[in-house]
Amino acid sequence: MRRRLKGIGITLFLIFAILALYLTLWPVPIDPAPWTPPEAPRLVGVYARNSRLARVKRIPAGGEGPEDVAVDGEQRLYTGLADGRIVRIGPGGEVETFATTGGRPLGLDWDASGNLIVADGDRGLLSVSPAGTVTTLTTAQGGVRFAMTDDVDVGPDGVYYFTDASSRFHMAQYKMDLLEHRPNGRLLAYDPRTKQTRLLIKGLYFANGVAVAPDASFVLVVETGRYAITRYWLAGPRTGRREVLIENLPGFPDGVSAGTNGIYWVAVVSPRDPNLDSMLARPFLRKVVVRLPRFLMPAPKRHGFVLGLDAEGRVVRNLQDPSPGSYSPITSVEEHGDALYLGCLTGHAVARLPLRR
């Protein structure tokens, strides 16, 4: 019996020794930078918990991962799915395939000619004609290819403002970029008249959502990795300058869009994770975490969360649903008519929330 127990002990020791070597020595594709984030704001005051998002109506999307939503003049919804399709959802809920990009369609917006402009995480910036024909517009800038084209907003000036969340990691590796915490993201602009792509800002921490001011005076870009939103001035005495609109948000910001009455809607994927915040100051620990199986890596908590900001970065709307069955994680929010339309990277439905003015 002792011999048997000794054999089991040796086996367990070898297993743990091999696991320890794997977790500490096996090469990893990240070079994490230390960062100590400020203490996360508590969900009180302007961020107080509430259940306003519990009223959303889920609209089946016919597939997984309807990350963003665009609405046409006939009140039909368009969203991109994980299988590369862009689907159109009719007023009665009927779903049809509008186009297939062959990649991962994320951000969507309309141009003045009725084309659907698509930030495709795998294929770059695309244009889809009203007939569903897909055209590639741009895949690189300054000799650097886009690794994760994330969101797009067509400005009143006709320019397509978009983000490359990371020039280093692809869509399937987005968690690695967040764990590395280096400024791999860019804000870019594509002019359809000249077909030129220009760099506006480099060195962003996971450049995500984009929103252009209705008067085209500035563009907002979300830095998910920094819990912040940056403003870049397009016109006026501060043209070409960047500044922080809001920082130390209580959650992971994702999509941002311009609404009515000067509001900018921000989708918050989930509240901040104190364990992840703690890890950000410990690069070695993040090297260990990135070696873990995917199912053991940090994942967003189920918590529906949308904020409304004014042009000075003040919180003027706070919509939440912390229940386990909430519509979440919310990755985009678009105001259209008398409602907000929400997208979700991992779900199977978009959502509609009637607005109370």
Protein backbone atom coordinates (compact mmCIF):
# COMPACT_ATOMS: atom_id res chain seq x y z
CA MET A 1 0.00 0.00 0.00
CA ARG A 2 2.83 2.38 0.89
CA ARG A 3 4.52 1.63 -2.39
CA ARG A 4 1.29 2.38 -4.24
CA LEU A 5 0.79 5.66 -2.37
CA LYS A 6 4.41 6.59 -3.06
CA GLY A 7 3.86 5.92 -6.79
CA ILE A 8 0.77 8.12 -6.79
CA GLY A 9 2.69 10.84 -4.99
CA ILE A 10 5.52 10.75 -7.52
CA THR A 11 3.01 10.89 -10.38
CA LEU A 12 1.24 13.90 -8.88
CA PHE A 13 4.57 15.62 -8.26
CA LEU A 14 5.57 15.12 -11.89
CA ILE A 15 2.22 16.41 -13.12
CA PHE A 16 2.47 19.55 -10.99
CA ALA A 17 6.14 20.02 -11.95
CA ILE A 18 5.31 19.82 -15.66
CA LEU A 19 2.36 22.18 -15.17
CA ALA A 20 4.55 24.64 -13.28
CA LEU A 21 7.18 24.57 -16.02
CA TYR A 22 4.49 25.09 -18.66
CA LEU A 23 2.95 28.05 -16.83
CA THR A 24 6.26 29.75 -16.16
CA LEU A 25 8.64 28.89 -19.01
CA TRP A 26 6.65 28.09 -22.15
CA PRO A 27 6.96 30.95 -24.68
CA VAL A 28 3.95 33.27 -24.86
CA PRO A 29 3.00 35.76 -27.58
CA ILE A 30 2.62 38.75 -25.26
CA ASP A 31 5.11 41.22 -23.86
CA PRO A 32 3.07 42.73 -21.01
CA ALA A 33 3.71 46.24 -19.80
CA PRO A 34 3.05 47.18 -16.16
CA TRP A 35 0.18 49.57 -15.47
CA THR A 36 -1.50 50.40 -12.20
CA PRO A 37 -5.01 51.60 -13.01
CA PRO A 38 -6.77 54.04 -10.70
CA GLU A 39 -9.22 52.53 -8.25
CA ALA A 40 -12.45 51.71 -10.03
CA PRO A 41 -15.40 53.96 -9.18
CA ARG A 42 -18.11 52.22 -7.18
CA LEU A 43 -21.52 51.74 -8.75
CA VAL A 44 -23.09 54.60 -6.82
CA GLY A 45 -24.05 58.17 -7.66
CA VAL A 46 -24.04 58.71 -11.44
CA TYR A 47 -23.10 55.03 -11.82
CA ALA A 48 -25.70 53.70 -9.36
CA ARG A 49 -27.07 50.23 -10.08
CA ASN A 50 -30.53 50.13 -11.63
CA SER A 51 -32.68 47.86 -13.79
CA ARG A 52 -33.56 50.19 -16.66
CA LEU A 53 -32.18 47.77 -19.25
CA ALA A 54 -34.44 44.98 -18.04
CA ARG A 55 -37.08 46.37 -20.42
CA VAL A 56 -35.17 45.48 -23.59
CA LYS A 57 -36.86 43.42 -26.28
CA ARG A 58 -34.60 40.75 -27.77
CA ILE A 59 -34.76 40.34 -31.55
CA PRO A 60 -33.29 37.04 -32.84
CA ALA A 61 -30.43 37.65 -35.28
CA GLY A 62 -30.25 34.22 -36.89
CA GLY A 63 -26.72 33.54 -35.69
CA GLU A 64 -24.05 34.22 -33.10
CA GLY A 65 -22.40 37.51 -32.22
CA PRO A 66 -24.48 40.45 -33.53
CA GLU A 67 -21.80 42.93 -32.44
CA ASP A 68 -23.20 46.14 -33.98
CA VAL A 69 -26.53 47.31 -35.38
CA ALA A 70 -27.43 49.65 -38.25
CA VAL A 71 -30.99 50.65 -39.18
CA ASP A 72 -32.11 51.62 -42.70
CA GLY A 73 -34.92 53.92 -43.84
CA GLU A 74 -37.39 51.04 -43.89
CA GLN A 75 -36.70 50.26 -40.21
CA ARG A 76 -34.83 47.08 -41.10
CA LEU A 77 -31.94 46.09 -38.83
CA TYR A 78 -28.52 45.01 -40.08
CA THR A 79 -25.92 43.20 -38.01
CA GLY A 80 -22.72 41.22 -38.59
CA LEU A 81 -22.33 37.68 -37.26
CA ALA A 82 -19.43 35.44 -36.24
CA ASP A 83 -19.83 33.30 -39.39
CA GLY A 84 -19.08 36.30 -41.64
CA ARG A 85 -22.66 37.04 -42.65
CA ILE A 86 -24.32 40.43 -42.47
CA VAL A 87 -28.01 39.77 -41.94
CA ARG A 88 -31.04 41.98 -42.45
CA ILE A 89 -33.91 41.70 -39.99
CA GLY A 90 -37.30 42.88 -41.19
CA PRO A 91 -39.91 44.69 -39.07
CA GLY A 92 -41.67 41.36 -38.57
CA GLY A 93 -38.52 39.64 -37.35
CA GLU A 94 -37.74 37.79 -40.60
CA VAL A 95 -33.99 37.27 -41.07
CA GLU A 96 -32.21 37.13 -44.43
CA THR A 97 -28.56 37.19 -45.47
CA PHE A 98 -27.69 40.58 -46.93
CA ALA A 99 -24.00 39.91 -47.64
CA THR A 100 -21.10 37.67 -46.64
CA THR A 101 -17.71 39.26 -46.02
CA GLY A 102 -15.63 36.12 -45.52
CA GLY A 103 -14.30 37.61 -42.28
CA ARG A 104 -15.76 38.93 -39.03
CA PRO A 105 -17.99 41.99 -39.60
CA LEU A 106 -17.99 44.24 -36.52
CA GLY A 107 -18.77 47.97 -36.79
CA LEU A 108 -21.41 49.14 -39.31
CA ASP A 109 -22.55 52.54 -40.62
CA TRP A 110 -24.22 54.02 -43.69
CA ASP A 111 -22.62 56.42 -46.13
CA ALA A 112 -24.51 59.09 -48.07
CA SER A 113 -24.90 56.79 -51.10
CA GLY A 114 -26.65 54.06 -49.14
CA ASN A 115 -23.63 51.77 -48.92
CA LEU A 116 -23.09 49.91 -45.66
CA ILE A 117 -19.54 50.62 -44.50
CA VAL A 118 -18.14 47.72 -42.49
CA ALA A 119 -15.21 47.44 -40.12
CA ASP A 120 -14.36 43.77 -40.56
CA GLY A 121 -12.05 42.42 -37.87
CA ASP A 122 -10.32 40.12 -40.35
CA ARG A 123 -10.62 41.79 -43.75
CA GLY A 124 -10.25 45.52 -43.10
CA LEU A 125 -12.58 48.36 -44.07
CA LEU A 126 -15.27 47.25 -46.51
CA SER A 127 -18.18 48.75 -48.43
CA VAL A 128 -21.34 46.78 -49.14
CA SER A 129 -23.59 48.11 -51.90
CA PRO A 130 -27.41 48.13 -51.57
CA ALA A 131 -27.35 44.95 -53.69
CA GLY A 132 -25.01 43.23 -51.23
CA THR A 133 -21.78 43.45 -53.26
CA VAL A 134 -18.71 43.58 -51.00
CA THR A 135 -15.76 45.83 -51.91
CA THR A 136 -12.53 46.13 -49.92
CA LEU A 137 -11.60 49.77 -49.32
CA THR A 138 -8.39 49.60 -47.28
CA THR A 139 -6.37 47.02 -45.35
CA ALA A 140 -3.28 48.95 -44.24
CA GLN A 141 -1.84 52.38 -43.51
CA GLY A 142 1.77 53.46 -43.58
CA GLY A 143 2.86 49.96 -44.48
CA VAL A 144 1.23 48.47 -41.37
CA ARG A 145 -1.69 46.10 -42.02
CA PHE A 146 -4.79 46.21 -39.89
CA ALA A 147 -4.96 43.21 -37.59
CA MET A 148 -8.33 43.98 -35.98
CA THR A 149 -10.47 46.56 -37.79
CA ASP A 150 -13.04 47.26 -35.11
CA ASP A 151 -15.52 50.11 -35.59
CA VAL A 152 -16.45 52.77 -38.14
CA ASP A 153 -18.48 55.98 -38.18
CA VAL A 154 -19.21 57.96 -41.32
CA GLY A 155 -18.79 61.66 -40.57
CA PRO A 156 -20.92 64.53 -41.90
CA ASP A 157 -17.89 65.37 -44.05
CA GLY A 158 -18.25 62.03 -45.87
CA VAL A 159 -15.04 60.61 -44.39
CA TYR A 160 -15.05 57.12 -42.84
CA TYR A 161 -13.47 57.25 -39.38
CA PHE A 162 -12.45 53.83 -38.09
CA THR A 163 -10.23 51.97 -35.65
CA ASP A 164 -7.62 49.26 -35.85
CA ALA A 165 -7.94 47.92 -32.31
CA SER A 166 -4.54 46.28 -32.51
CA SER A 167 -1.88 46.16 -35.19
CA ARG A 168 -0.38 43.18 -33.35
CA PHE A 169 -3.18 40.77 -32.44
CA HIS A 170 -6.04 39.42 -34.53
CA MET A 171 -9.71 39.20 -33.60
CA ALA A 172 -9.45 35.72 -32.12
CA GLN A 173 -6.62 36.99 -29.87
CA TYR A 174 -8.23 40.18 -28.58
CA LYS A 175 -7.80 39.14 -24.94
CA MET A 176 -4.05 38.91 -25.50
CA ASP A 177 -3.93 42.56 -26.52
CA LEU A 178 -5.78 43.56 -23.36
CA LEU A 179 -3.50 41.40 -21.22
CA GLU A 180 -0.38 42.77 -22.89
CA HIS A 181 -1.57 46.35 -22.29
CA ARG A 182 0.55 48.10 -24.86
CA PRO A 183 -0.59 50.90 -27.20
CA ASN A 184 -1.11 48.82 -30.33
CA GLY A 185 -4.26 50.61 -31.53
CA ARG A 186 -4.89 53.36 -34.09
CA LEU A 187 -7.60 55.81 -35.13
CA LEU A 188 -7.72 56.25 -38.91
CA ALA A 189 -9.69 58.05 -41.59
CA TYR A 190 -10.54 56.88 -45.11
CA ASP A 191 -11.64 59.46 -47.69
CA PRO A 192 -13.78 57.77 -50.38
CA ARG A 193 -13.11 60.65 -52.78
CA THR A 194 -9.33 60.26 -52.77
CA LYS A 195 -9.28 56.61 -51.64
CA GLN A 196 -6.53 57.57 -49.20
CA THR A 197 -6.19 56.27 -45.64
CA ARG A 198 -4.68 58.62 -43.10
CA LEU A 199 -3.52 58.11 -39.53
CA LEU A 200 -5.09 60.39 -36.92
CA ILE A 201 -3.83 58.85 -33.66
CA LYS A 202 -1.44 56.02 -32.95
CA GLY A 203 -0.54 54.51 -29.60
CA LEU A 204 -4.07 53.75 -28.36
CA TYR A 205 -4.83 51.03 -25.82
CA PHE A 206 -7.21 48.72 -27.70
CA ALA A 207 -8.85 51.31 -29.96
CA ASN A 208 -12.50 50.37 -30.10
CA GLY A 209 -15.68 52.38 -30.74
CA VAL A 210 -15.76 55.57 -32.85
CA ALA A 211 -18.25 58.46 -32.93
CA VAL A 212 -18.04 61.67 -34.95
CA ALA A 213 -19.69 64.83 -33.61
CA PRO A 214 -22.76 65.89 -35.64
CA ASP A 215 -20.92 69.09 -36.68
CA ALA A 216 -17.73 67.14 -37.56
CA SER A 217 -15.73 69.20 -35.05
CA PHE A 218 -14.27 66.14 -33.31
CA VAL A 219 -14.24 62.38 -33.23
CA LEU A 220 -14.35 60.20 -30.12
CA VAL A 221 -12.44 56.94 -29.84
CA VAL A 222 -12.79 54.39 -27.05
CA GLU A 223 -9.66 52.99 -25.43
CA THR A 224 -10.98 49.82 -23.84
CA GLY A 225 -7.60 48.91 -22.34
CA ARG A 226 -7.40 52.23 -20.49
CA TYR A 227 -11.07 52.49 -19.39
CA ALA A 228 -11.17 55.82 -21.21
CA ILE A 229 -12.53 57.78 -24.17
CA THR A 230 -10.26 60.11 -26.14
CA ARG A 231 -11.35 63.09 -28.22
CA TYR A 232 -9.51 64.11 -31.41
CA TRP A 233 -10.30 67.57 -32.78
CA LEU A 234 -11.08 67.75 -36.50
CA ALA A 235 -11.86 71.47 -36.72
CA GLY A 236 -11.38 74.72 -34.82
CA PRO A 237 -8.39 76.11 -32.92
CA ARG A 238 -7.51 72.69 -31.48
CA THR A 239 -7.45 70.85 -34.82
CA GLY A 240 -5.18 67.82 -34.71
CA ARG A 241 -4.98 67.70 -30.92
CA ARG A 242 -6.14 64.88 -28.68
CA GLU A 243 -7.47 65.03 -25.14
CA VAL A 244 -9.15 62.78 -22.60
CA LEU A 245 -12.94 63.12 -22.64
CA ILE A 246 -13.48 60.74 -19.71
CA GLU A 247 -11.25 58.23 -17.93
CA ASN A 248 -11.42 55.72 -15.09
CA LEU A 249 -14.76 54.41 -16.26
CA PRO A 250 -16.38 51.78 -14.00
CA GLY A 251 -16.36 49.15 -16.73
CA PHE A 252 -14.86 48.10 -20.06
CA PRO A 253 -16.11 50.59 -22.69
CA ASP A 254 -16.71 49.25 -26.18
CA GLY A 255 -18.91 50.98 -28.76
CA VAL A 256 -19.73 54.68 -28.77
CA SER A 257 -22.22 56.56 -30.95
CA ALA A 258 -23.69 60.04 -31.29
CA GLY A 259 -27.33 60.32 -30.26
CA THR A 260 -29.71 63.26 -30.13
CA ASN A 261 -29.65 66.23 -27.74
CA GLY A 262 -25.86 66.14 -27.53
CA ILE A 263 -25.66 62.67 -25.99
CA TYR A 264 -22.94 60.15 -26.81
CA TRP A 265 -24.00 56.62 -25.95
CA VAL A 266 -21.34 54.25 -24.62
CA ALA A 267 -21.70 50.46 -24.47
CA VAL A 268 -20.01 49.00 -21.39
CA VAL A 269 -19.17 45.31 -21.80
CA SER A 270 -19.10 44.65 -18.05
CA PRO A 271 -18.02 46.27 -14.79
CA ARG A 272 -14.31 46.34 -13.98
CA ASP A 273 -12.76 43.17 -12.60
CA PRO A 274 -10.63 43.85 -9.47
CA ASN A 275 -8.57 40.73 -10.16
CA LEU A 276 -7.69 41.95 -13.66
CA ASP A 277 -6.93 45.45 -12.35
CA SER A 278 -4.58 43.87 -9.84
CA MET A 279 -2.89 41.77 -12.55
CA LEU A 280 -2.21 44.82 -14.73
CA ALA A 281 0.54 45.87 -12.31
CA ARG A 282 2.10 42.38 -12.49
CA PRO A 283 3.40 41.53 -15.98
CA PHE A 284 4.73 38.10 -14.96
CA LEU A 285 1.35 37.06 -13.59
CA ARG A 286 -0.24 37.99 -16.90
CA LYS A 287 2.28 35.78 -18.70
CA VAL A 288 1.07 32.91 -16.53
CA VAL A 289 -2.62 33.72 -17.12
CA VAL A 290 -2.25 33.84 -20.90
CA ARG A 291 -0.93 30.24 -20.83
CA LEU A 292 -4.12 28.99 -19.20
CA PRO A 293 -6.75 27.19 -21.26
CA ARG A 294 -9.23 29.63 -22.79
CA PHE A 295 -12.06 28.57 -20.48
CA LEU A 296 -9.94 29.53 -17.44
CA MET A 297 -9.06 33.01 -18.74
CA PRO A 298 -10.89 36.11 -17.41
CA ALA A 299 -14.34 36.56 -18.93
CA PRO A 300 -16.80 39.48 -18.72
CA LYS A 301 -19.49 39.27 -16.07
CA ARG A 302 -23.15 39.28 -17.10
CA HIS A 303 -24.19 42.87 -16.46
CA GLY A 304 -26.03 45.02 -18.97
CA PHE A 305 -24.53 48.52 -18.91
CA VAL A 306 -24.95 51.62 -21.11
CA LEU A 307 -23.91 55.19 -20.31
CA GLY A 308 -24.86 58.49 -21.91
CA LEU A 309 -22.26 61.28 -21.89
CA ASP A 310 -22.46 64.91 -22.89
CA ALA A 311 -19.79 66.63 -24.99
CA GLU A 312 -17.81 67.48 -21.85
CA GLY A 313 -17.66 63.87 -20.68
CA ARG A 314 -20.27 64.21 -17.94
CA VAL A 315 -22.50 61.19 -17.29
CA VAL A 316 -26.10 62.17 -18.07
CA ARG A 317 -27.71 58.73 -18.58
CA ASN A 318 -27.11 55.47 -16.74
CA LEU A 319 -28.85 52.29 -17.91
CA GLN A 320 -28.12 48.94 -16.31
CA ASP A 321 -29.37 45.43 -15.70
CA PRO A 322 -27.17 43.47 -13.25
CA SER A 323 -29.40 40.38 -13.27
CA PRO A 324 -27.96 37.01 -14.40
CA GLY A 325 -30.39 36.97 -17.33
CA SER A 326 -29.48 40.44 -18.57
CA TYR A 327 -28.86 41.24 -22.22
CA SER A 328 -25.07 41.31 -22.10
CA PRO A 329 -22.22 41.75 -22.76
CA ILE A 330 -23.34 44.87 -24.63
CA THR A 331 -20.81 45.88 -27.28
CA SER A 332 -22.68 48.58 -29.22
CA VAL A 333 -25.51 51.05 -28.81
CA GLU A 334 -27.19 53.04 -31.56
CA GLU A 335 -30.01 55.56 -31.19
CA HIS A 336 -32.60 55.48 -33.96
CA GLY A 337 -35.99 57.12 -33.75
CA ASP A 338 -37.44 56.59 -30.30
CA ALA A 339 -35.27 53.64 -29.31
CA LEU A 340 -31.79 52.39 -28.60
CA TYR A 341 -30.57 49.32 -30.47
CA LEU A 342 -27.97 47.16 -28.73
CA GLY A 343 -25.47 44.62 -30.01
CA CYS A 344 -23.75 41.73 -28.25
CA LEU A 345 -20.51 39.98 -29.28
CA THR A 346 -21.46 36.57 -27.90
CA GLY A 347 -25.26 36.43 -27.95
CA HIS A 348 -27.77 35.46 -30.64
CA ALA A 349 -30.04 38.51 -30.64
CA VAL A 350 -29.93 42.27 -30.94
CA ALA A 351 -32.02 44.27 -28.49
CA ARG A 352 -34.34 47.27 -28.61
CA LEU A 353 -34.97 49.64 -25.72
CA PRO A 354 -37.70 52.32 -26.02
CA LEU A 355 -36.29 55.67 -24.96
CA ARG A 356 -37.92 57.72 -22.26
CA ARG A 357 -37.12 61.35 -22.97
